[in-house]
Amino acid sequence: MVDDLYVGFRGLEVLHGVSLHVAEGEVVALLGRNGAGKTTTLRAVIGELPVEHGAISMERAGVETRLKFVLDLFPKLAERSRQRAWSLSGGEQQMLTIARALMNGPELLLLDEPSLGLAPKVVSEVFDALASLRAIGVSILLVEQNARKALQLSARVYVLAHGRIAAEGTVQLLRESGVVEGLYFG
């Protein structure tokens, strides 16, 4: 999906040869400290930032998303279907953002900090919905500061440090090696 990506931002090179892959139906976490390049990676993937070098490619996953599916996934949105988006709580707005993305039948769902600013109960609801998406084969690239939640959901992890992939592997491998704790929590 992303191969040898170099991206500059505001005159600074931010990403230095980042490569990562998300298989169909797989959830992959992209972790790292603030300023490591996680959001820049997502912004380059969606075409919001120009790529200086490297390649980004995606294959069709064939996942269909429809209104009934989305409302079943997020029952709170069904309850509040007559409300304006701005009148929803922060957690409900986050659910709505994910639901809107799913209505387009994405081949890959890119999520940047879906738990940011949410109450713990709502964070659990959002991650339960993401687990449901994983169960039906939706591919997800997840940038998340809540590493524990991200690791519970993901099959594989990439850890960014200073715009480079510092570690990658299965969640189990990186937990056993202590790499995530050392780079991310240390």
Protein backbone atom coordinates (compact mmCIF):
# COMPACT_ATOMS: atom_id res chain seq x y z
CA MET A 1 0.00 0.00 0.00
CA VAL A 2 2.68 2.56 0.98
CA ASP A 3 6.19 2.02 -0.34
CA ASP A 4 9.28 4.11 0.49
CA LEU A 5 7.28 7.27 1.18
CA TYR A 6 9.04 10.61 1.57
CA VAL A 7 6.83 13.59 2.40
CA GLY A 8 7.75 17.16 3.17
CA PHE A 9 5.54 19.55 5.06
CA ARG A 10 6.06 23.30 5.43
CA GLY A 11 9.60 23.05 4.11
CA LEU A 12 10.64 20.14 6.35
CA GLU A 13 10.97 16.51 5.36
CA VAL A 14 8.67 14.68 7.76
CA LEU A 15 8.53 11.12 6.43
CA HIS A 16 11.74 9.34 5.47
CA GLY A 17 11.09 6.11 3.54
CA VAL A 18 7.93 4.92 5.29
CA SER A 19 6.56 1.61 3.98
CA LEU A 20 3.49 -0.16 5.29
CA HIS A 21 0.79 -2.53 4.12
CA VAL A 22 -2.79 -3.21 5.17
CA ALA A 23 -4.22 -6.46 3.83
CA GLU A 24 -7.88 -6.83 2.95
CA GLY A 25 -9.88 -7.24 6.15
CA GLU A 26 -6.94 -6.41 8.41
CA VAL A 27 -6.67 -3.79 11.14
CA VAL A 28 -3.22 -2.22 11.39
CA ALA A 29 -2.20 0.30 14.03
CA LEU A 30 0.23 3.11 13.29
CA LEU A 31 1.64 4.21 16.64
CA GLY A 32 4.22 6.70 17.77
CA ARG A 33 4.74 9.73 19.92
CA ASN A 34 3.36 13.14 19.00
CA GLY A 35 5.21 14.51 15.99
CA ALA A 36 6.39 11.10 14.79
CA GLY A 37 4.58 11.45 11.44
CA LYS A 38 1.42 9.39 11.94
CA THR A 39 -1.08 12.01 10.76
CA THR A 40 1.27 13.10 7.98
CA THR A 41 1.27 9.51 6.74
CA LEU A 42 -2.55 9.46 6.62
CA ARG A 43 -2.67 12.88 4.95
CA ALA A 44 -0.28 11.67 2.24
CA VAL A 45 -2.30 8.47 1.68
CA ILE A 46 -5.50 10.43 1.07
CA GLY A 47 -3.69 12.85 -1.25
CA GLU A 48 -3.86 15.86 1.03
CA LEU A 49 -0.06 16.23 1.09
CA PRO A 50 2.23 15.88 -1.92
CA VAL A 51 4.55 12.89 -2.00
CA GLU A 52 8.16 13.71 -2.80
CA HIS A 53 9.12 10.09 -3.42
CA GLY A 54 7.49 6.69 -3.08
CA ALA A 55 4.24 5.04 -4.09
CA ILE A 56 0.76 4.65 -2.64
CA SER A 57 -1.57 2.01 -4.05
CA MET A 58 -4.86 0.46 -3.03
CA GLU A 59 -6.80 -2.54 -4.22
CA ARG A 60 -10.57 -2.77 -4.20
CA ALA A 61 -11.79 -4.64 -1.13
CA GLY A 62 -15.37 -5.01 -2.37
CA VAL A 63 -16.98 -4.07 0.98
CA GLU A 64 -20.50 -2.64 0.70
CA THR A 65 -21.80 -0.29 3.36
CA ARG A 66 -25.53 0.79 3.41
CA LEU A 67 -27.65 2.88 5.76
CA LYS A 68 -29.15 -0.12 7.58
CA PHE A 69 -25.70 -1.57 8.17
CA VAL A 70 -24.36 1.73 9.52
CA LEU A 71 -27.33 2.29 11.79
CA ASP A 72 -27.06 -1.27 13.10
CA LEU A 73 -23.39 -0.61 13.81
CA PHE A 74 -24.14 2.68 15.59
CA PRO A 75 -27.61 2.37 17.18
CA LYS A 76 -27.22 5.76 18.90
CA LEU A 77 -27.23 7.40 15.48
CA ALA A 78 -30.53 5.71 14.66
CA GLU A 79 -31.99 7.09 17.90
CA ARG A 80 -30.80 10.60 16.97
CA SER A 81 -31.50 10.49 13.25
CA ARG A 82 -33.71 13.60 13.42
CA GLN A 83 -31.02 15.71 15.11
CA ARG A 84 -28.53 17.98 13.36
CA ALA A 85 -24.92 16.78 13.41
CA TRP A 86 -23.74 19.80 15.40
CA SER A 87 -26.20 18.99 18.20
CA LEU A 88 -24.77 15.49 18.79
CA SER A 89 -22.32 14.77 21.61
CA GLY A 90 -18.62 14.50 20.79
CA GLY A 91 -18.77 10.70 20.79
CA GLU A 92 -21.86 10.67 18.60
CA GLN A 93 -20.17 13.07 16.18
CA GLN A 94 -17.20 10.68 15.99
CA MET A 95 -19.57 7.80 15.28
CA LEU A 96 -21.26 9.91 12.59
CA THR A 97 -17.90 10.67 10.98
CA ILE A 98 -17.10 6.95 10.76
CA ALA A 99 -20.62 6.16 9.54
CA ARG A 100 -20.39 8.78 6.78
CA ALA A 101 -17.09 7.29 5.62
CA LEU A 102 -18.63 3.80 5.57
CA MET A 103 -21.57 4.95 3.43
CA ASN A 104 -19.10 5.44 0.56
CA GLY A 105 -18.03 1.78 0.66
CA PRO A 106 -14.34 2.50 1.25
CA GLU A 107 -11.66 0.03 0.28
CA LEU A 108 -9.72 1.15 3.34
CA LEU A 109 -10.91 3.06 6.39
CA LEU A 110 -8.29 5.52 7.68
CA LEU A 111 -8.88 6.64 11.25
CA ASP A 112 -6.90 9.39 12.94
CA GLU A 113 -7.35 9.41 16.72
CA PRO A 114 -10.97 8.17 16.90
CA SER A 115 -10.86 8.25 20.73
CA LEU A 116 -9.56 11.80 21.04
CA GLY A 117 -11.55 13.80 23.60
CA LEU A 118 -14.13 11.09 24.23
CA ALA A 119 -15.38 9.77 27.55
CA PRO A 120 -14.11 6.26 28.38
CA LYS A 121 -17.56 4.71 27.86
CA VAL A 122 -17.85 6.28 24.40
CA VAL A 123 -14.30 5.20 23.53
CA SER A 124 -15.36 1.63 24.30
CA GLU A 125 -18.44 2.00 22.08
CA VAL A 126 -16.37 3.34 19.18
CA PHE A 127 -13.82 0.54 19.51
CA ASP A 128 -16.61 -2.06 19.77
CA ALA A 129 -17.94 -0.74 16.45
CA LEU A 130 -14.45 -0.92 14.94
CA ALA A 131 -14.18 -4.53 16.14
CA SER A 132 -17.48 -5.25 14.37
CA LEU A 133 -16.06 -3.76 11.19
CA ARG A 134 -12.95 -5.89 11.55
CA ALA A 135 -15.16 -8.97 11.98
CA ILE A 136 -16.85 -8.38 8.63
CA GLY A 137 -13.58 -7.79 6.81
CA VAL A 138 -13.21 -4.00 6.62
CA SER A 139 -9.57 -2.95 6.26
CA ILE A 140 -8.54 -0.26 8.75
CA LEU A 141 -5.38 1.78 9.23
CA LEU A 142 -5.64 3.20 12.72
CA VAL A 143 -3.62 6.09 14.14
CA GLU A 144 -4.35 6.24 17.85
CA GLN A 145 -2.72 7.64 20.99
CA ASN A 146 -4.63 5.13 23.12
CA ALA A 147 -2.12 2.39 22.34
CA ARG A 148 -3.81 -0.18 24.57
CA LYS A 149 -7.09 0.11 22.66
CA ALA A 150 -5.26 0.15 19.32
CA LEU A 151 -3.30 -2.99 20.22
CA GLN A 152 -6.47 -4.80 21.34
CA LEU A 153 -8.06 -4.13 17.94
CA SER A 154 -5.11 -4.59 15.60
CA ALA A 155 -3.42 -7.62 14.13
CA ARG A 156 -0.22 -5.81 13.21
CA VAL A 157 1.54 -2.63 14.30
CA TYR A 158 3.93 -0.12 12.80
CA VAL A 159 5.73 2.22 15.20
CA LEU A 160 6.89 5.55 13.79
CA ALA A 161 9.74 7.53 15.32
CA HIS A 162 11.13 10.69 13.74
CA GLY A 163 9.34 10.02 10.45
CA ARG A 164 10.69 6.49 10.03
CA ILE A 165 9.31 3.04 10.76
CA ALA A 166 11.15 2.10 13.96
CA ALA A 167 9.43 -1.26 14.47
CA GLU A 168 6.82 -3.43 12.83
CA GLY A 169 5.25 -6.79 13.42
CA THR A 170 2.35 -8.59 14.97
CA VAL A 171 0.91 -7.20 18.17
CA GLN A 172 2.09 -10.30 20.03
CA LEU A 173 5.65 -10.04 18.68
CA LEU A 174 5.99 -6.37 19.55
CA ARG A 175 4.50 -6.89 23.02
CA GLU A 176 6.85 -9.79 23.76
CA SER A 177 9.89 -7.86 22.56
CA GLY A 178 9.00 -4.75 24.58
CA VAL A 179 9.49 -2.55 21.50
CA VAL A 180 6.15 -0.78 21.79
CA GLU A 181 6.63 -0.03 25.47
CA GLY A 182 10.16 1.21 24.88
CA LEU A 183 9.44 3.43 21.90
CA TYR A 184 5.93 4.51 22.69
CA PHE A 185 5.62 4.54 26.46
CA GLY A 186 9.27 5.04 27.41
